[in-house]
C-alpha atoms as a PDB file:
ATOM      1  CA  MET A   1     -14.816   6.896 -82.406  1.00  0.00           C
ATOM      2  CA  ALA A   2     -15.031   8.159 -78.849  1.00  0.00           C
ATOM      3  CA  THR A   3     -17.155   6.140 -76.490  1.00  0.00           C
ATOM      4  CA  ALA A   4     -19.780   7.999 -74.562  1.00  0.00           C
ATOM      5  CA  THR A   5     -19.291   8.055 -70.822  1.00  0.00           C
ATOM      6  CA  LYS A   6     -22.215   7.417 -68.551  1.00  0.00           C
ATOM      7  CA  PRO A   7     -23.204  10.438 -66.493  1.00  0.00           C
ATOM      8  CA  ARG A   8     -22.583  10.040 -62.807  1.00  0.00           C
ATOM      9  CA  LYS A   9     -25.636   9.581 -60.670  1.00  0.00           C
ATOM     10  CA  LYS A  10     -26.282  12.477 -58.374  1.00  0.00           C
ATOM     11  CA  ARG A  11     -25.926  11.545 -54.730  1.00  0.00           C
ATOM     12  CA  ARG A  12     -29.092  12.114 -52.763  1.00  0.00           C
ATOM     13  CA  ASN A  13     -28.836  14.489 -49.844  1.00  0.00           C
ATOM     14  CA  VAL A  14     -28.978  12.761 -46.466  1.00  0.00           C
ATOM     15  CA  THR A  15     -31.581  14.219 -44.137  1.00  0.00           C
ATOM     16  CA  GLU A  16     -30.952  14.934 -40.474  1.00  0.00           C
ATOM     17  CA  ALA A  17     -33.460  12.209 -39.562  1.00  0.00           C
ATOM     18  CA  GLN A  18     -31.514   9.680 -41.625  1.00  0.00           C
ATOM     19  CA  LYS A  19     -28.256  10.764 -39.985  1.00  0.00           C
ATOM     20  CA  ALA A  20     -29.832  10.350 -36.556  1.00  0.00           C
ATOM     21  CA  ARG A  21     -31.125   6.846 -37.391  1.00  0.00           C
ATOM     22  CA  SER A  22     -27.718   5.863 -38.759  1.00  0.00           C
ATOM     23  CA  ALA A  23     -25.944   7.130 -35.633  1.00  0.00           C
ATOM     24  CA  GLU A  24     -28.439   5.287 -33.447  1.00  0.00           C
ATOM     25  CA  SER A  25     -27.973   1.996 -35.310  1.00  0.00           C
ATOM     26  CA  LYS A  26     -24.162   2.306 -35.140  1.00  0.00           C
ATOM     27  CA  ALA A  27     -24.309   3.058 -31.414  1.00  0.00           C
ATOM     28  CA  ALA A  28     -26.526   0.007 -30.826  1.00  0.00           C
ATOM     29  CA  ALA A  29     -24.191  -2.175 -32.906  1.00  0.00           C
ATOM     30  CA  ASN A  30     -21.116  -0.989 -31.001  1.00  0.00           C
ATOM     31  CA  GLU A  31     -22.865  -1.579 -27.677  1.00  0.00           C
ATOM     32  CA  ALA A  32     -23.803  -5.120 -28.706  1.00  0.00           C
ATOM     33  CA  LEU A  33     -20.247  -5.740 -29.924  1.00  0.00           C
ATOM     34  CA  ALA A  34     -18.736  -4.555 -26.636  1.00  0.00           C
ATOM     35  CA  ALA A  35     -21.007  -6.854 -24.606  1.00  0.00           C
ATOM     36  CA  TYR A  36     -20.275  -9.823 -26.881  1.00  0.00           C
ATOM     37  CA  ALA A  37     -16.521  -9.131 -26.797  1.00  0.00           C
ATOM     38  CA  ALA A  38     -16.546  -9.071 -22.987  1.00  0.00           C
ATOM     39  CA  LEU A  39     -18.396 -12.410 -22.989  1.00  0.00           C
ATOM     40  CA  CYS A  40     -15.942 -14.048 -25.402  1.00  0.00           C
ATOM     41  CA  LEU A  41     -12.888 -12.785 -23.519  1.00  0.00           C
ATOM     42  CA  SER A  42     -14.236 -14.027 -20.187  1.00  0.00           C
ATOM     43  CA  GLU A  43     -15.563 -17.391 -21.446  1.00  0.00           C
ATOM     44  CA  PRO A  44     -13.143 -19.546 -23.493  1.00  0.00           C
ATOM     45  CA  ALA A  45     -16.058 -21.702 -24.711  1.00  0.00           C
ATOM     46  CA  GLU A  46     -17.787 -18.634 -26.202  1.00  0.00           C
ATOM     47  CA  LEU A  47     -14.566 -17.582 -27.925  1.00  0.00           C
ATOM     48  CA  GLU A  48     -14.149 -21.037 -29.446  1.00  0.00           C
ATOM     49  CA  ALA A  49     -17.817 -21.103 -30.493  1.00  0.00           C
ATOM     50  CA  PHE A  50     -17.267 -17.815 -32.317  1.00  0.00           C
ATOM     51  CA  ARG A  51     -14.272 -19.237 -34.194  1.00  0.00           C
ATOM     52  CA  VAL A  52     -16.325 -22.277 -35.245  1.00  0.00           C
ATOM     53  CA  GLN A  53     -19.141 -20.039 -36.489  1.00  0.00           C
ATOM     54  CA  ALA A  54     -16.684 -17.840 -38.405  1.00  0.00           C
ATOM     55  CA  ALA A  55     -15.259 -20.922 -40.116  1.00  0.00           C
ATOM     56  CA  SER A  56     -18.741 -22.187 -41.039  1.00  0.00           C
ATOM     57  CA  VAL A  57     -20.102 -18.869 -42.315  1.00  0.00           C
ATOM     58  CA  GLY A  58     -16.863 -17.852 -44.037  1.00  0.00           C
ATOM     59  CA  TRP A  59     -14.518 -15.091 -42.868  1.00  0.00           C
ATOM     60  CA  LYS A  60     -11.791 -13.012 -44.470  1.00  0.00           C
ATOM     61  CA  GLU A  61      -8.889 -11.157 -42.903  1.00  0.00           C
ATOM     62  CA  ASP A  62      -8.984  -8.155 -45.271  1.00  0.00           C
ATOM     63  CA  PRO A  63     -12.389  -6.422 -45.080  1.00  0.00           C
ATOM     64  CA  ALA A  64     -11.680  -4.481 -48.295  1.00  0.00           C
ATOM     65  CA  SER A  65     -10.945  -7.555 -50.407  1.00  0.00           C
ATOM     66  CA  ASP A  66     -13.417  -8.821 -52.995  1.00  0.00           C
ATOM     67  CA  GLU A  67     -13.152 -12.368 -51.658  1.00  0.00           C
ATOM     68  CA  PRO A  68     -16.394 -13.970 -50.446  1.00  0.00           C
ATOM     69  CA  GLY A  69     -17.037 -13.985 -46.739  1.00  0.00           C
ATOM     70  CA  TYR A  70     -17.429 -11.556 -43.871  1.00  0.00           C
ATOM     71  CA  SER A  71     -14.750  -9.577 -42.082  1.00  0.00           C
ATOM     72  CA  VAL A  72     -13.982 -10.780 -38.560  1.00  0.00           C
ATOM     73  CA  LEU A  73     -15.595  -7.581 -37.254  1.00  0.00           C
ATOM     74  CA  ASN A  74     -18.811  -8.280 -39.147  1.00  0.00           C
ATOM     75  CA  MET A  75     -18.690 -11.899 -37.989  1.00  0.00           C
ATOM     76  CA  ALA A  76     -18.573 -10.609 -34.413  1.00  0.00           C
ATOM     77  CA  LEU A  77     -21.482  -8.249 -35.100  1.00  0.00           C
ATOM     78  CA  LEU A  78     -23.547 -11.063 -36.622  1.00  0.00           C
ATOM     79  CA  ALA A  79     -22.772 -13.346 -33.673  1.00  0.00           C
ATOM     80  CA  ALA A  80     -23.653 -10.571 -31.217  1.00  0.00           C
ATOM     81  CA  GLN A  81     -27.137 -10.466 -32.773  1.00  0.00           C
ATOM     82  CA  ARG A  82     -27.643 -14.221 -33.179  1.00  0.00           C
ATOM     83  CA  ARG A  83     -25.557 -16.735 -31.274  1.00  0.00           C
ATOM     84  CA  ARG A  84     -25.646 -19.818 -33.516  1.00  0.00           C
ATOM     85  CA  LEU A  85     -24.675 -19.049 -37.099  1.00  0.00           C
ATOM     86  CA  VAL A  86     -24.123 -21.613 -39.861  1.00  0.00           C
ATOM     87  CA  HIS A  87     -24.447 -19.970 -43.267  1.00  0.00           C
ATOM     88  CA  CYS A  88     -25.369 -16.333 -43.932  1.00  0.00           C
ATOM     89  CA  GLY A  89     -26.486 -14.338 -46.949  1.00  0.00           C
ATOM     90  CA  GLY A  90     -28.791 -11.613 -48.185  1.00  0.00           C
ATOM     91  CA  PHE A  91     -32.358 -11.926 -49.468  1.00  0.00           C
ATOM     92  CA  GLN A  92     -31.363 -12.324 -53.124  1.00  0.00           C
ATOM     93  CA  TYR A  93     -28.686 -14.874 -52.236  1.00  0.00           C
ATOM     94  CA  TRP A  94     -31.201 -17.106 -50.483  1.00  0.00           C
ATOM     95  CA  LEU A  95     -33.604 -16.876 -53.406  1.00  0.00           C
ATOM     96  CA  GLU A  96     -30.821 -18.174 -55.624  1.00  0.00           C
ATOM     97  CA  GLN A  97     -30.318 -21.057 -53.176  1.00  0.00           C
ATOM     98  CA  GLY A  98     -33.973 -22.052 -53.389  1.00  0.00           C
ATOM     99  CA  ARG A  99     -34.787 -20.652 -49.954  1.00  0.00           C
ATOM    100  CA  VAL A 100     -36.466 -17.519 -48.620  1.00  0.00           C
ATOM    101  CA  PRO A 101     -36.433 -15.732 -45.238  1.00  0.00           C
ATOM    102  CA  ALA A 102     -39.108 -17.218 -43.002  1.00  0.00           C
ATOM    103  CA  GLU A 103     -42.198 -15.216 -42.174  1.00  0.00           C
ATOM    104  CA  GLY A 104     -41.517 -12.935 -39.215  1.00  0.00           C
ATOM    105  CA  SER A 105     -37.733 -13.385 -39.277  1.00  0.00           C
ATOM    106  CA  THR A 106     -35.661 -10.304 -38.426  1.00  0.00           C
ATOM    107  CA  SER A 107     -32.653  -9.568 -40.612  1.00  0.00           C
ATOM    108  CA  LEU A 108     -29.202  -9.044 -39.135  1.00  0.00           C
ATOM    109  CA  GLY A 109     -27.063  -5.948 -39.612  1.00  0.00           C
ATOM    110  CA  THR A 110     -23.490  -5.674 -40.874  1.00  0.00           C
ATOM    111  CA  PHE A 111     -21.120  -2.736 -41.236  1.00  0.00           C
ATOM    112  CA  ARG A 112     -20.890  -1.355 -44.775  1.00  0.00           C
ATOM    113  CA  ARG A 113     -18.429   1.204 -46.057  1.00  0.00           C
ATOM    114  CA  ILE A 114     -19.661   4.587 -47.290  1.00  0.00           C
ATOM    115  CA  GLY A 115     -18.357   5.772 -50.634  1.00  0.00           C
ATOM    116  CA  ARG A 116     -16.491   4.212 -53.556  1.00  0.00           C
ATOM    117  CA  LYS A 117     -13.774   1.701 -52.745  1.00  0.00           C
ATOM    118  CA  GLN A 118     -10.385   2.844 -54.059  1.00  0.00           C
ATOM    119  CA  SER A 119      -8.590   0.734 -56.649  1.00  0.00           C
ATOM    120  CA  ASP A 120      -4.858   0.032 -56.427  1.00  0.00           C
ATOM    121  CA  ASP A 121      -4.274   2.663 -59.139  1.00  0.00           C
ATOM    122  CA  ASP A 122      -6.266   5.236 -57.160  1.00  0.00           C
ATOM    123  CA  LYS A 123      -4.226   4.507 -54.019  1.00  0.00           C
ATOM    124  CA  ALA A 124      -0.929   4.785 -55.926  1.00  0.00           C
ATOM    125  CA  LYS A 125      -1.985   8.076 -57.550  1.00  0.00           C
ATOM    126  CA  GLU A 126      -3.099   9.528 -54.206  1.00  0.00           C
ATOM    127  CA  LYS A 127       0.205   8.523 -52.593  1.00  0.00           C
ATOM    128  CA  GLN A 128       2.214  10.101 -55.426  1.00  0.00           C
ATOM    129  CA  LEU A 129       0.266  13.365 -55.203  1.00  0.00           C
ATOM    130  CA  ALA A 130       0.751  13.421 -51.454  1.00  0.00           C
ATOM    131  CA  GLU A 131       4.513  12.952 -51.830  1.00  0.00           C
ATOM    132  CA  GLU A 132       4.576  15.843 -54.308  1.00  0.00           C
ATOM    133  CA  GLY A 133       2.762  18.060 -51.845  1.00  0.00           C
ATOM    134  CA  TRP A 134      -0.510  18.350 -53.742  1.00  0.00           C
ATOM    135  CA  GLN A 135      -2.583  16.983 -50.912  1.00  0.00           C
ATOM    136  CA  SER A 136      -2.251  15.792 -47.369  1.00  0.00           C
ATOM    137  CA  ALA A 137      -0.615  12.416 -46.892  1.00  0.00           C
ATOM    138  CA  GLU A 138      -2.769  11.816 -43.839  1.00  0.00           C
ATOM    139  CA  LYS A 139      -4.890   8.730 -44.329  1.00  0.00           C
ATOM    140  CA  ARG A 140      -8.577   9.391 -44.042  1.00  0.00           C
ATOM    141  CA  LYS A 141     -10.521   6.859 -42.053  1.00  0.00           C
ATOM    142  CA  PRO A 142     -13.353   5.165 -43.983  1.00  0.00           C
ATOM    143  CA  ARG A 143     -16.883   5.851 -42.767  1.00  0.00           C
ATOM    144  CA  TYR A 144     -19.357   3.071 -42.129  1.00  0.00           C
ATOM    145  CA  TYR A 145     -23.040   2.514 -41.570  1.00  0.00           C
ATOM    146  CA  VAL A 146     -25.067  -0.489 -40.429  1.00  0.00           C
ATOM    147  CA  LYS A 147     -27.063  -2.190 -43.140  1.00  0.00           C
ATOM    148  CA  LYS A 148     -29.795  -4.709 -42.376  1.00  0.00           C
ATOM    149  CA  GLY A 149     -30.582  -7.556 -44.747  1.00  0.00           C
ATOM    150  CA  THR A 150     -28.481 -10.572 -43.725  1.00  0.00           C
ATOM    151  CA  PHE A 151     -30.117 -13.862 -42.716  1.00  0.00           C
ATOM    152  CA  ASP A 152     -28.703 -17.076 -41.319  1.00  0.00           C
ATOM    153  CA  VAL A 153     -29.890 -20.300 -42.950  1.00  0.00           C
ATOM    154  CA  SER A 154     -31.810 -21.102 -39.761  1.00  0.00           C
ATOM    155  CA  GLN A 155     -33.972 -18.038 -40.508  1.00  0.00           C
ATOM    156  CA  THR A 156     -34.919 -19.323 -43.966  1.00  0.00           C
ATOM    157  CA  VAL A 157     -37.375 -21.899 -45.304  1.00  0.00           C
ATOM    158  CA  PRO A 158     -37.429 -23.806 -48.597  1.00  0.00           C
ATOM    159  CA  ARG A 159     -38.897 -21.854 -51.490  1.00  0.00           C
ATOM    160  CA  GLU A 160     -39.035 -25.086 -53.463  1.00  0.00           C
ATOM    161  CA  ARG A 161     -38.396 -28.717 -52.553  1.00  0.00           C
ATOM    162  CA  CYS A 162     -35.299 -28.949 -50.345  1.00  0.00           C
ATOM    163  CA  PRO A 163     -32.624 -31.075 -52.075  1.00  0.00           C
ATOM    164  CA  HIS A 164     -31.379 -32.325 -48.682  1.00  0.00           C
ATOM    165  CA  CYS A 165     -34.525 -33.523 -46.920  1.00  0.00           C
ATOM    166  CA  GLY A 166     -37.325 -33.176 -49.503  1.00  0.00           C
ATOM    167  CA  THR A 167     -39.368 -30.648 -47.509  1.00  0.00           C
ATOM    168  CA  ALA A 168     -41.482 -28.465 -49.795  1.00  0.00           C
ATOM    169  CA  PRO A 169     -43.630 -25.368 -49.144  1.00  0.00           C
ATOM    170  CA  ALA A 170     -47.386 -25.877 -48.884  1.00  0.00           C
ATOM    171  CA  GLY A 171     -47.963 -23.283 -51.611  1.00  0.00           C
ATOM    172  CA  PRO A 172     -46.299 -20.481 -53.602  1.00  0.00           C
ATOM    173  CA  ASP A 173     -46.804 -17.979 -50.754  1.00  0.00           C
ATOM    174  CA  ASP A 174     -45.894 -20.330 -47.891  1.00  0.00           C
ATOM    175  CA  ARG A 175     -43.018 -18.986 -45.821  1.00  0.00           C
ATOM    176  CA  THR A 176     -43.595 -21.034 -42.660  1.00  0.00           C
ATOM    177  CA  THR A 177     -42.880 -24.662 -43.609  1.00  0.00           C
ATOM    178  CA  GLN A 178     -39.440 -25.420 -42.247  1.00  0.00           C
ATOM    179  CA  CYS A 179     -37.032 -28.291 -42.820  1.00  0.00           C
ATOM    180  CA  PRO A 180     -36.513 -30.605 -39.822  1.00  0.00           C
ATOM    181  CA  THR A 181     -33.644 -29.696 -37.504  1.00  0.00           C
ATOM    182  CA  THR A 182     -31.808 -32.810 -38.735  1.00  0.00           C
ATOM    183  CA  CYS A 183     -31.697 -31.468 -42.326  1.00  0.00           C
ATOM    184  CA  ALA A 184     -28.156 -31.204 -43.690  1.00  0.00           C
ATOM    185  CA  VAL A 185     -28.784 -27.564 -44.690  1.00  0.00           C
ATOM    186  CA  PHE A 186     -28.414 -26.640 -40.997  1.00  0.00           C
ATOM    187  CA  ALA A 187     -25.159 -28.561 -40.487  1.00  0.00           C
ATOM    188  CA  THR A 188     -22.024 -26.613 -39.597  1.00  0.00           C
ATOM    189  CA  ARG A 189     -19.860 -26.232 -42.691  1.00  0.00           C
ATOM    190  CA  PRO A 190     -16.155 -27.102 -42.652  1.00  0.00           C
ATOM    191  CA  GLY A 191     -13.737 -24.235 -42.875  1.00  0.00           C
ATOM    192  CA  VAL A 192     -10.599 -22.668 -41.433  1.00  0.00           C
ATOM    193  CA  LYS A 193     -11.104 -20.972 -38.083  1.00  0.00           C
ATOM    194  CA  PRO A 194      -9.643 -17.484 -37.584  1.00  0.00           C
ATOM    195  CA  PRO A 195      -6.474 -17.526 -35.431  1.00  0.00           C
ATOM    196  CA  VAL A 196      -7.051 -17.129 -31.698  1.00  0.00           C
ATOM    197  CA  GLU A 197      -4.615 -14.197 -31.582  1.00  0.00           C
ATOM    198  CA  LEU A 198      -6.561 -12.342 -34.284  1.00  0.00           C
ATOM    199  CA  VAL A 199      -9.901 -12.889 -32.542  1.00  0.00           C
ATOM    200  CA  VAL A 200      -8.578 -11.895 -29.107  1.00  0.00           C
ATOM    201  CA  ALA A 201      -7.021  -8.724 -30.528  1.00  0.00           C
ATOM    202  CA  LEU A 202     -10.303  -7.784 -32.213  1.00  0.00           C
ATOM    203  CA  MET A 203     -12.427  -8.527 -29.139  1.00  0.00           C
ATOM    204  CA  THR A 204     -10.060  -6.521 -26.939  1.00  0.00           C
ATOM    205  CA  SER A 205     -10.303  -3.530 -29.290  1.00  0.00           C
ATOM    206  CA  LEU A 206     -14.100  -3.640 -29.025  1.00  0.00           C
ATOM    207  CA  LEU A 207     -14.136  -3.153 -25.258  1.00  0.00           C
ATOM    208  CA  PRO A 208     -14.945   0.384 -24.075  1.00  0.00           C
ATOM    209  CA  ASP A 209     -11.915   2.524 -23.296  1.00  0.00           C
ATOM    210  CA  GLU A 210     -11.276   2.637 -19.531  1.00  0.00           C
ATOM    211  CA  ASP A 211     -10.443   6.344 -19.590  1.00  0.00           C
ATOM    212  CA  GLU A 212     -13.717   7.117 -21.382  1.00  0.00           C
ATOM    213  CA  ALA A 213     -15.636   4.943 -18.940  1.00  0.00           C
ATOM    214  CA  ASP A 214     -14.074   6.773 -15.972  1.00  0.00           C
ATOM    215  CA  GLY A 215     -14.991  10.114 -17.527  1.00  0.00           C
ATOM    216  CA  GLU A 216     -18.656   9.121 -17.801  1.00  0.00           C
ATOM    217  CA  GLU A 217     -19.068   8.553 -14.057  1.00  0.00           C
END
């Protein structure tokens, strides 16, 4: 008996206003990244602080992998928006941890890929077709957008009694009662720091191109 296949969802058309907002958010993110990269490359202490934060939050070398953690690029973007990072996650993640974003907290943005991620079989099939001349072998660059919705633990408050310090919200709708700064939930987590060479290479790539800068004068 043949199994019924689910119909594909129709992709909604993107309006010009949405495209403009997306381009604006990407431009702002790239500007913040360039400024942060220049700071890290000029101040060894800032570079080391970034590596410590990346180890605490959790980083991964391959952005396309399904492993937990953030790419080094997204770690840099998060750090460019908020200097001290300990443990990051989305709204639903923090609910599962018994915490909730504090009232008035502003979420952080990360780069997200547009479109379906190719499986290994898809990549192999595309390569074979390209070798047979059915399509161009030129690799298409993935497109990205900036998605808001990430919070550091310092931006969250206990939704229920904190297992570390015992702090509890004043009521079911309380999103202002915070754990003391000495609470273990805010402690830097142990982890492996990204190699200095990898971080320096990334930060250098984020600096504006000198030729482009000269052309803008």
